[in-house]
Amino acid sequence: MKPLVANNPLHGLPETLATVIAVEYLRALGWRCEETGCDGEEFEIGELADLLGVKASLVGVRLHHPGCPPARRRCGPTGRVLSVVMTPELEAWLSIPKQPGCKLSARRVRR
């Protein structure tokens, strides 16, 4: 039986070249790969809910929606989103209510 490391085509390549090849492979599969630097401010879910004036559970539901724009998220061991880095796209998407009804319309009128 061969060890799995021997079957790895990246084994034995210089680290920088192996990283570039691995990133291109993941991008070809549809994964998003980017540098580790942050381009926005990181907010915890409770802070974000206070800023938007909604419940924290609603923010969590909105972040798990398939139409939610991609943003860096820090998740707990169970997969729960603990914090998110705000981007202009995410901020615009969260500010528009998903179901504009009489309650949301009344809330806008009171402000």
Protein backbone atom coordinates (compact mmCIF):
# COMPACT_ATOMS: atom_id res chain seq x y z
CA MET A 1 0.00 0.00 0.00
CA LYS A 2 1.37 3.40 -1.02
CA PRO A 3 1.17 6.32 1.39
CA LEU A 4 -1.20 9.08 0.26
CA VAL A 5 1.59 11.67 0.27
CA ALA A 6 3.32 9.81 -2.55
CA ASN A 7 0.21 10.25 -4.74
CA ASN A 8 0.07 14.02 -4.13
CA PRO A 9 1.25 15.82 -7.31
CA LEU A 10 2.21 18.89 -5.25
CA HIS A 11 4.59 16.93 -3.04
CA GLY A 12 8.18 17.88 -3.72
CA LEU A 13 7.39 21.19 -5.47
CA PRO A 14 8.56 24.51 -4.03
CA GLU A 15 6.01 25.90 -1.57
CA THR A 16 5.14 29.01 -3.59
CA LEU A 17 4.54 27.02 -6.78
CA ALA A 18 2.47 24.41 -4.93
CA THR A 19 0.35 27.17 -3.40
CA VAL A 20 -0.32 28.80 -6.77
CA ILE A 21 -1.29 25.47 -8.34
CA ALA A 22 -3.57 24.57 -5.40
CA VAL A 23 -5.32 27.97 -5.51
CA GLU A 24 -5.91 27.73 -9.26
CA TYR A 25 -7.29 24.21 -8.83
CA LEU A 26 -9.72 25.36 -6.13
CA ARG A 27 -10.83 28.34 -8.26
CA ALA A 28 -11.46 25.98 -11.18
CA LEU A 29 -13.75 23.96 -8.89
CA GLY A 30 -15.68 27.13 -8.02
CA TRP A 31 -14.15 27.99 -4.64
CA ARG A 32 -13.35 31.58 -3.75
CA CYS A 33 -9.68 32.03 -2.80
CA GLU A 34 -8.26 35.37 -1.71
CA GLU A 35 -5.62 36.94 0.51
CA THR A 36 -6.12 36.90 4.26
CA GLY A 37 -6.22 40.69 4.68
CA CYS A 38 -9.54 42.32 5.63
CA ASP A 39 -11.10 44.98 3.42
CA GLY A 40 -13.81 46.05 5.87
CA GLU A 41 -14.72 46.21 9.53
CA GLU A 42 -15.64 43.01 11.35
CA PHE A 43 -18.94 43.04 13.26
CA GLU A 44 -20.34 40.46 15.63
CA ILE A 45 -23.89 39.40 14.82
CA GLY A 46 -25.34 41.21 17.87
CA GLU A 47 -23.58 44.46 16.98
CA LEU A 48 -24.76 44.20 13.40
CA ALA A 49 -28.35 43.56 14.54
CA ASP A 50 -28.22 46.66 16.76
CA LEU A 51 -26.96 48.78 13.86
CA LEU A 52 -29.67 47.52 11.52
CA GLY A 53 -32.41 47.70 14.18
CA VAL A 54 -33.48 44.06 13.83
CA LYS A 55 -33.16 40.86 15.88
CA ALA A 56 -29.89 38.93 15.81
CA SER A 57 -31.75 35.81 14.64
CA LEU A 58 -32.95 37.70 11.56
CA VAL A 59 -29.38 38.72 10.69
CA GLY A 60 -28.31 35.07 10.98
CA VAL A 61 -31.13 33.95 8.70
CA ARG A 62 -30.29 36.64 6.15
CA LEU A 63 -26.60 35.65 6.15
CA HIS A 64 -27.52 32.02 5.38
CA HIS A 65 -29.78 33.03 2.46
CA PRO A 66 -28.48 31.76 -0.93
CA GLY A 67 -28.71 35.26 -2.42
CA CYS A 68 -26.48 36.78 0.25
CA PRO A 69 -23.34 38.35 -1.26
CA PRO A 70 -20.07 36.70 -0.23
CA ALA A 71 -18.23 38.18 2.74
CA ARG A 72 -15.63 36.92 5.18
CA ARG A 73 -17.27 35.18 8.13
CA ARG A 74 -15.91 33.77 11.36
CA CYS A 75 -17.83 30.64 12.33
CA GLY A 76 -17.99 28.64 15.55
CA PRO A 77 -17.32 24.90 15.79
CA THR A 78 -20.96 24.09 14.97
CA GLY A 79 -21.01 26.30 11.85
CA ARG A 80 -22.84 29.20 13.49
CA VAL A 81 -21.75 32.58 12.12
CA LEU A 82 -20.11 34.56 14.94
CA SER A 83 -18.99 37.64 13.03
CA VAL A 84 -18.90 38.99 9.51
CA VAL A 85 -16.72 41.52 7.67
CA MET A 86 -18.95 44.16 6.14
CA THR A 87 -18.62 44.93 2.45
CA PRO A 88 -20.63 47.56 0.53
CA GLU A 89 -22.56 44.80 -1.28
CA LEU A 90 -23.45 43.02 1.96
CA GLU A 91 -24.46 46.26 3.66
CA ALA A 92 -26.77 47.18 0.78
CA TRP A 93 -28.26 43.68 0.69
CA LEU A 94 -28.93 43.59 4.45
CA SER A 95 -30.49 47.07 4.47
CA ILE A 96 -33.23 46.07 1.98
CA PRO A 97 -36.00 44.04 3.70
CA LYS A 98 -36.72 40.64 2.13
CA GLN A 99 -40.47 40.85 2.77
CA PRO A 100 -41.55 44.49 2.74
CA GLY A 101 -44.89 44.39 4.48
CA CYS A 102 -47.01 46.63 6.66
CA LYS A 103 -44.80 46.15 9.76
CA LEU A 104 -41.63 47.15 7.94
CA SER A 105 -43.37 50.04 6.21
CA ALA A 106 -44.71 51.30 9.55
CA ARG A 107 -41.22 51.09 11.07
CA ARG A 108 -39.84 53.29 8.28
CA VAL A 109 -42.62 55.86 8.77
CA ARG A 110 -41.92 56.13 12.51
CA ARG A 111 -38.25 56.94 11.94
